[in-house]
């Protein structure tokens, strides 16, 4: 029988604004590196960081829930001037957070 994937819980946030700024900078760097730098990348990174900060300020520590919140709220964003979409952004945020926690994003270990 297969084992369910364990949820990943972030440590409680001591400074959500600082976390948000780190995420904005990290996500922008990822966006600009993955394809080509575009002006819209700054707006995407800022919006994703805002969602993340709000969720953390509301006490959300579960990585899966944070990813779902980013996907859901980014659906309202106009990605027509970007190579990306809401799922790519949420997945990138997840990868960046896993990396910051020292968790291998490939195999979950």
N, C-alpha and C. Protein backbone atom coordinates (compact mmCIF):
# COMPACT_ATOMS: atom_id res chain seq x y z
N UNK A 1 0.84 -1.18 0.00
CA UNK A 1 0.00 0.00 0.00
C UNK A 1 0.89 1.25 0.00
N UNK A 2 0.51 2.23 -0.80
CA UNK A 2 1.31 3.45 -0.88
C UNK A 2 1.03 4.35 0.32
N UNK A 3 2.05 5.08 0.68
CA UNK A 3 1.93 6.01 1.80
C UNK A 3 1.50 7.38 1.28
N UNK A 4 0.61 8.06 1.99
CA UNK A 4 0.24 9.41 1.56
C UNK A 4 1.43 10.36 1.72
N UNK A 5 1.44 11.38 0.93
CA UNK A 5 2.50 12.38 1.02
C UNK A 5 2.26 13.20 2.29
N UNK A 6 3.31 13.29 3.08
CA UNK A 6 3.21 14.08 4.32
C UNK A 6 3.06 15.56 3.98
N UNK A 7 2.26 16.23 4.78
CA UNK A 7 2.14 17.68 4.57
C UNK A 7 3.41 18.35 5.09
N UNK A 8 3.69 19.48 4.52
CA UNK A 8 4.87 20.25 4.94
C UNK A 8 4.38 21.51 5.61
N UNK A 9 4.84 21.69 6.83
CA UNK A 9 4.42 22.84 7.63
C UNK A 9 5.60 23.79 7.79
N UNK A 10 5.37 25.03 7.43
CA UNK A 10 6.40 26.05 7.61
C UNK A 10 6.45 26.45 9.08
N UNK A 11 7.60 26.86 9.55
CA UNK A 11 7.66 27.36 10.93
C UNK A 11 6.75 28.59 11.06
N UNK A 12 6.19 28.82 12.24
CA UNK A 12 5.36 30.02 12.40
C UNK A 12 6.14 31.27 11.98
N UNK A 13 5.44 32.19 11.37
CA UNK A 13 6.09 33.39 10.85
C UNK A 13 6.35 34.39 11.97
N UNK A 14 7.60 34.81 12.05
CA UNK A 14 7.96 35.85 13.02
C UNK A 14 7.91 37.22 12.37
N UNK A 15 8.13 37.25 11.05
CA UNK A 15 8.13 38.53 10.33
C UNK A 15 7.60 38.30 8.91
N UNK A 16 6.26 38.27 8.76
CA UNK A 16 5.68 38.00 7.44
C UNK A 16 6.12 38.97 6.35
N UNK A 17 6.33 40.22 6.70
CA UNK A 17 6.74 41.22 5.70
C UNK A 17 8.14 40.88 5.16
N UNK A 18 9.04 40.49 6.05
CA UNK A 18 10.38 40.12 5.63
C UNK A 18 10.34 38.85 4.77
N UNK A 19 9.52 37.87 5.17
CA UNK A 19 9.35 36.66 4.36
C UNK A 19 8.82 37.01 2.98
N UNK A 20 7.85 37.92 2.95
CA UNK A 20 7.25 38.34 1.68
C UNK A 20 8.26 39.01 0.77
N UNK A 21 9.13 39.83 1.35
CA UNK A 21 10.15 40.51 0.55
C UNK A 21 11.15 39.49 0.01
N UNK A 22 11.54 38.53 0.84
CA UNK A 22 12.42 37.46 0.37
C UNK A 22 11.76 36.69 -0.79
N UNK A 23 10.48 36.36 -0.61
CA UNK A 23 9.77 35.62 -1.65
C UNK A 23 9.66 36.43 -2.93
N UNK A 24 9.34 37.71 -2.81
CA UNK A 24 9.22 38.57 -3.99
C UNK A 24 10.54 38.60 -4.77
N UNK A 25 11.65 38.80 -4.06
CA UNK A 25 12.96 38.87 -4.71
C UNK A 25 13.34 37.52 -5.33
N UNK A 26 13.11 36.44 -4.59
CA UNK A 26 13.46 35.10 -5.07
C UNK A 26 12.62 34.71 -6.28
N UNK A 27 11.32 34.99 -6.20
CA UNK A 27 10.43 34.65 -7.30
C UNK A 27 10.76 35.48 -8.54
N UNK A 28 11.04 36.76 -8.37
CA UNK A 28 11.41 37.61 -9.50
C UNK A 28 12.68 37.09 -10.16
N UNK A 29 13.66 36.72 -9.35
CA UNK A 29 14.90 36.16 -9.89
C UNK A 29 14.61 34.88 -10.69
N UNK A 30 13.74 34.02 -10.14
CA UNK A 30 13.37 32.78 -10.83
C UNK A 30 12.65 33.09 -12.14
N UNK A 31 11.68 34.00 -12.10
CA UNK A 31 10.93 34.36 -13.30
C UNK A 31 11.85 34.89 -14.39
N UNK A 32 12.77 35.78 -14.01
CA UNK A 32 13.67 36.40 -14.99
C UNK A 32 14.69 35.42 -15.54
N UNK A 33 15.02 34.40 -14.77
CA UNK A 33 16.02 33.42 -15.19
C UNK A 33 15.40 32.30 -16.02
N UNK A 34 14.18 31.92 -15.69
CA UNK A 34 13.54 30.77 -16.32
C UNK A 34 13.30 30.99 -17.82
N UNK A 35 12.84 32.17 -18.20
CA UNK A 35 12.66 32.50 -19.61
C UNK A 35 13.46 33.76 -19.91
N UNK A 36 12.77 34.87 -20.09
CA UNK A 36 13.45 36.14 -20.32
C UNK A 36 12.89 37.16 -19.33
N UNK A 37 13.71 38.11 -18.92
CA UNK A 37 13.19 39.15 -18.03
C UNK A 37 12.09 39.96 -18.74
N UNK A 38 10.98 40.12 -18.05
CA UNK A 38 9.86 40.91 -18.58
C UNK A 38 9.38 41.84 -17.48
N UNK A 39 8.88 43.00 -17.84
CA UNK A 39 8.39 43.95 -16.85
C UNK A 39 7.26 43.36 -16.00
N UNK A 40 6.43 42.53 -16.62
CA UNK A 40 5.29 41.95 -15.90
C UNK A 40 5.75 41.01 -14.78
N UNK A 41 6.98 40.50 -14.87
CA UNK A 41 7.48 39.61 -13.83
C UNK A 41 7.51 40.29 -12.46
N UNK A 42 7.81 41.58 -12.44
CA UNK A 42 7.83 42.32 -11.18
C UNK A 42 6.43 42.36 -10.56
N UNK A 43 5.43 42.55 -11.38
CA UNK A 43 4.05 42.61 -10.90
C UNK A 43 3.61 41.24 -10.41
N UNK A 44 3.97 40.20 -11.15
CA UNK A 44 3.61 38.83 -10.75
C UNK A 44 4.25 38.50 -9.40
N UNK A 45 5.54 38.78 -9.27
CA UNK A 45 6.25 38.47 -8.02
C UNK A 45 5.66 39.26 -6.85
N UNK A 46 5.32 40.52 -7.08
CA UNK A 46 4.72 41.34 -6.03
C UNK A 46 3.36 40.79 -5.60
N UNK A 47 2.55 40.41 -6.57
CA UNK A 47 1.21 39.88 -6.26
C UNK A 47 1.29 38.57 -5.50
N UNK A 48 2.15 37.66 -5.94
CA UNK A 48 2.30 36.38 -5.25
C UNK A 48 2.80 36.60 -3.82
N UNK A 49 3.73 37.52 -3.65
CA UNK A 49 4.25 37.82 -2.31
C UNK A 49 3.16 38.41 -1.42
N UNK A 50 2.31 39.26 -1.96
CA UNK A 50 1.19 39.84 -1.18
C UNK A 50 0.26 38.74 -0.69
N UNK A 51 -0.08 37.82 -1.57
CA UNK A 51 -0.96 36.71 -1.19
C UNK A 51 -0.30 35.89 -0.09
N UNK A 52 0.98 35.58 -0.28
CA UNK A 52 1.72 34.80 0.70
C UNK A 52 1.74 35.49 2.06
N UNK A 53 2.07 36.77 2.08
CA UNK A 53 2.14 37.52 3.34
C UNK A 53 0.78 37.53 4.03
N UNK A 54 -0.27 37.79 3.30
CA UNK A 54 -1.60 37.80 3.91
C UNK A 54 -1.94 36.45 4.52
N UNK A 55 -1.66 35.39 3.79
CA UNK A 55 -1.93 34.05 4.30
C UNK A 55 -1.13 33.76 5.56
N UNK A 56 0.14 34.14 5.56
CA UNK A 56 1.00 33.92 6.73
C UNK A 56 0.52 34.75 7.92
N UNK A 57 0.09 35.99 7.66
CA UNK A 57 -0.42 36.84 8.75
C UNK A 57 -1.70 36.27 9.33
N UNK A 58 -2.45 35.52 8.53
CA UNK A 58 -3.67 34.87 9.01
C UNK A 58 -3.37 33.54 9.69
N UNK A 59 -2.08 33.20 9.79
CA UNK A 59 -1.68 32.00 10.52
C UNK A 59 -1.52 30.75 9.69
N UNK A 60 -1.55 30.88 8.37
CA UNK A 60 -1.41 29.69 7.52
C UNK A 60 0.05 29.26 7.46
N UNK A 61 0.31 28.01 7.83
CA UNK A 61 1.66 27.47 7.82
C UNK A 61 1.80 26.24 6.92
N UNK A 62 0.69 25.71 6.45
CA UNK A 62 0.71 24.51 5.61
C UNK A 62 1.07 24.89 4.18
N UNK A 63 2.14 24.29 3.66
CA UNK A 63 2.63 24.64 2.32
C UNK A 63 1.57 24.36 1.26
N UNK A 64 0.88 23.23 1.36
CA UNK A 64 -0.16 22.90 0.38
C UNK A 64 -1.26 23.95 0.35
N UNK A 65 -1.68 24.41 1.51
CA UNK A 65 -2.73 25.44 1.58
C UNK A 65 -2.24 26.76 1.01
N UNK A 66 -0.98 27.08 1.26
CA UNK A 66 -0.42 28.31 0.69
C UNK A 66 -0.39 28.25 -0.83
N UNK A 67 -0.01 27.11 -1.36
CA UNK A 67 0.04 26.93 -2.82
C UNK A 67 -1.36 27.06 -3.42
N UNK A 68 -2.33 26.42 -2.79
CA UNK A 68 -3.73 26.51 -3.28
C UNK A 68 -4.21 27.96 -3.25
N UNK A 69 -3.88 28.69 -2.19
CA UNK A 69 -4.29 30.09 -2.09
C UNK A 69 -3.68 30.91 -3.22
N UNK A 70 -2.42 30.66 -3.53
CA UNK A 70 -1.76 31.41 -4.61
C UNK A 70 -2.39 31.06 -5.95
N UNK A 71 -2.62 29.78 -6.21
CA UNK A 71 -3.28 29.38 -7.47
C UNK A 71 -4.63 30.06 -7.58
N UNK A 72 -5.43 29.97 -6.53
CA UNK A 72 -6.80 30.50 -6.55
C UNK A 72 -6.81 32.00 -6.79
N UNK A 73 -5.99 32.73 -6.04
CA UNK A 73 -6.02 34.19 -6.16
C UNK A 73 -5.33 34.70 -7.42
N UNK A 74 -4.35 33.96 -7.91
CA UNK A 74 -3.67 34.40 -9.13
C UNK A 74 -4.51 34.12 -10.37
N UNK A 75 -5.60 33.37 -10.25
CA UNK A 75 -6.48 33.14 -11.40
C UNK A 75 -7.09 34.45 -11.90
N UNK A 76 -7.20 35.42 -11.02
CA UNK A 76 -7.76 36.71 -11.42
C UNK A 76 -6.71 37.61 -12.09
N UNK A 77 -5.46 37.20 -12.08
CA UNK A 77 -4.39 38.00 -12.68
C UNK A 77 -4.39 37.80 -14.19
N UNK A 78 -4.11 38.87 -14.92
CA UNK A 78 -4.03 38.80 -16.39
C UNK A 78 -2.62 38.37 -16.80
N UNK A 79 -2.47 37.12 -17.18
CA UNK A 79 -1.18 36.58 -17.58
C UNK A 79 -0.94 36.71 -19.09
N UNK A 80 -1.74 37.50 -19.79
CA UNK A 80 -1.63 37.58 -21.25
C UNK A 80 -0.29 38.15 -21.73
N UNK A 81 0.43 38.88 -20.87
CA UNK A 81 1.72 39.44 -21.25
C UNK A 81 2.88 38.67 -20.64
N UNK A 82 2.62 37.42 -20.29
CA UNK A 82 3.62 36.61 -19.61
C UNK A 82 3.66 35.20 -20.20
N UNK A 83 4.79 34.55 -20.00
CA UNK A 83 4.91 33.14 -20.36
C UNK A 83 4.30 32.24 -19.30
N UNK A 84 4.00 32.80 -18.16
CA UNK A 84 3.59 32.02 -16.99
C UNK A 84 2.08 32.03 -16.80
N UNK A 85 1.62 31.19 -15.86
CA UNK A 85 0.24 31.14 -15.43
C UNK A 85 0.22 30.90 -13.93
N UNK A 86 -0.96 30.84 -13.37
CA UNK A 86 -1.08 30.73 -11.91
C UNK A 86 -0.46 29.44 -11.35
N UNK A 87 -0.54 28.34 -12.10
CA UNK A 87 0.04 27.09 -11.60
C UNK A 87 1.57 27.14 -11.60
N UNK A 88 2.15 27.72 -12.63
CA UNK A 88 3.61 27.85 -12.67
C UNK A 88 4.11 28.72 -11.52
N UNK A 89 3.38 29.78 -11.22
CA UNK A 89 3.78 30.67 -10.13
C UNK A 89 3.68 29.96 -8.80
N UNK A 90 2.56 29.30 -8.55
CA UNK A 90 2.38 28.58 -7.28
C UNK A 90 3.42 27.48 -7.12
N UNK A 91 3.71 26.76 -8.19
CA UNK A 91 4.73 25.71 -8.12
C UNK A 91 6.11 26.30 -7.86
N UNK A 92 6.42 27.43 -8.46
CA UNK A 92 7.71 28.08 -8.23
C UNK A 92 7.82 28.53 -6.77
N UNK A 93 6.74 29.09 -6.23
CA UNK A 93 6.74 29.49 -4.82
C UNK A 93 6.99 28.28 -3.94
N UNK A 94 6.31 27.19 -4.23
CA UNK A 94 6.49 25.96 -3.46
C UNK A 94 7.95 25.49 -3.53
N UNK A 95 8.52 25.47 -4.72
CA UNK A 95 9.91 25.04 -4.89
C UNK A 95 10.87 25.95 -4.11
N UNK A 96 10.65 27.26 -4.17
CA UNK A 96 11.51 28.20 -3.45
C UNK A 96 11.41 27.99 -1.94
N UNK A 97 10.20 27.77 -1.45
CA UNK A 97 10.02 27.55 -0.01
C UNK A 97 10.65 26.22 0.42
N UNK A 98 10.46 25.18 -0.38
CA UNK A 98 11.08 23.89 -0.05
C UNK A 98 12.60 24.02 -0.02
N UNK A 99 13.13 24.70 -1.01
CA UNK A 99 14.58 24.91 -1.05
C UNK A 99 15.06 25.65 0.19
N UNK A 100 14.31 26.67 0.61
CA UNK A 100 14.71 27.45 1.79
C UNK A 100 14.67 26.61 3.06
N UNK A 101 13.86 25.56 3.07
CA UNK A 101 13.76 24.66 4.22
C UNK A 101 14.75 23.50 4.13
N UNK A 102 15.49 23.42 3.02
CA UNK A 102 16.44 22.34 2.83
C UNK A 102 15.80 21.02 2.44
N UNK A 103 14.61 21.09 1.83
CA UNK A 103 13.90 19.90 1.41
C UNK A 103 14.07 19.73 -0.09
N UNK A 104 14.47 18.53 -0.50
CA UNK A 104 14.66 18.24 -1.92
C UNK A 104 13.30 18.28 -2.61
N UNK A 105 13.12 19.21 -3.52
CA UNK A 105 11.84 19.37 -4.18
C UNK A 105 11.52 18.25 -5.14
N UNK A 106 12.53 17.48 -5.52
CA UNK A 106 12.31 16.37 -6.44
C UNK A 106 11.67 15.17 -5.73
N UNK A 107 12.19 14.83 -4.61
CA UNK A 107 11.77 13.59 -3.98
C UNK A 107 11.17 13.78 -2.59
N UNK A 108 11.08 15.00 -2.13
CA UNK A 108 10.45 15.28 -0.85
C UNK A 108 11.25 14.88 0.37
N UNK A 109 12.52 14.66 0.20
CA UNK A 109 13.36 14.26 1.35
C UNK A 109 14.36 15.36 1.67
